[in-house]
Protein backbone atom coordinates (compact mmCIF):
# COMPACT_ATOMS: atom_id res chain seq x y z
CA MET A 1 0.00 0.00 0.00
CA SER A 2 1.06 3.56 -0.51
CA GLY A 3 2.76 5.86 1.92
CA VAL A 4 -0.29 8.13 2.01
CA TYR A 5 -2.42 5.26 3.31
CA TRP A 6 0.01 4.47 6.11
CA GLY A 7 0.19 8.16 6.96
CA ILE A 8 -3.58 8.28 7.39
CA VAL A 9 -3.53 5.12 9.53
CA ALA A 10 -0.73 6.53 11.69
CA GLY A 11 -2.69 9.79 12.09
CA PHE A 12 -5.81 7.97 13.23
CA LEU A 13 -3.82 5.89 15.70
CA ALA A 14 -2.17 9.03 17.06
CA MET A 15 -5.56 10.73 17.50
CA ILE A 16 -6.99 7.70 19.30
CA GLY A 17 -3.94 7.50 21.56
CA THR A 18 -4.22 11.20 22.35
CA LEU A 19 -7.92 10.80 23.15
CA PHE A 20 -7.24 8.00 25.64
CA ALA A 21 -4.36 9.94 27.20
CA CYS A 22 -6.58 13.00 27.69
CA ILE A 23 -9.36 10.90 29.22
CA ASP A 24 -6.86 9.30 31.58
CA ILE A 25 -5.45 12.67 32.61
CA LEU A 26 -8.86 14.26 33.15
CA TYR A 27 -10.57 11.45 35.01
CA GLY A 28 -7.44 10.30 36.83
CA ALA A 29 -6.77 13.75 38.26
CA GLN A 30 -10.42 14.30 39.06
CA GLY A 31 -10.70 11.08 41.06
CA GLY A 32 -7.56 11.79 43.06
CA SER A 33 -8.46 15.37 43.88
CA SER A 34 -12.00 14.51 44.98
CA ASN A 35 -10.73 11.93 47.46
CA SER A 36 -8.16 14.26 48.98
CA SER A 37 -10.62 17.14 49.29
CA ALA A 38 -13.16 14.83 50.92
CA ASP A 39 -10.53 13.82 53.48
CA GLU A 40 -9.76 17.47 54.21
CA VAL A 41 -13.44 18.25 54.70
CA ASP A 42 -13.85 15.28 57.06
CA THR A 43 -10.94 16.34 59.24
CA SER A 44 -12.08 19.97 59.36
CA ASN A 45 -15.63 18.91 60.26
CA GLN A 46 -14.31 16.71 63.06
CA ALA A 47 -12.28 19.56 64.48
CA VAL A 48 -15.21 21.98 64.32
CA GLY A 49 -17.63 19.40 65.70
CA SER A 50 -15.49 18.60 68.72
CA ALA A 51 -14.90 22.27 69.53
CA SER A 52 -18.55 23.25 69.18
CA SER A 53 -19.88 20.29 71.16
CA GLY A 54 -17.55 21.08 74.04
CA SER A 55 -18.39 24.76 74.32
CA ARG A 56 -22.09 24.80 73.38
CA ARG A 57 -24.51 22.45 75.07
CA ALA A 58 -28.25 22.61 75.46
CA ALA A 59 -29.56 23.60 78.89
């Protein structure tokens, strides 16, 4: 087959590889950041909850 054909095939393979790489970067980073921010929120809520329960109690 001609060189033009293999150039088109190589271009399609490069586009598909780039698509998968972008999906991996976007969803991989999103999953990692959501877990770490959830951990930060949990620790901050625990700190606030313990301070507020100690100083404010119903009569």
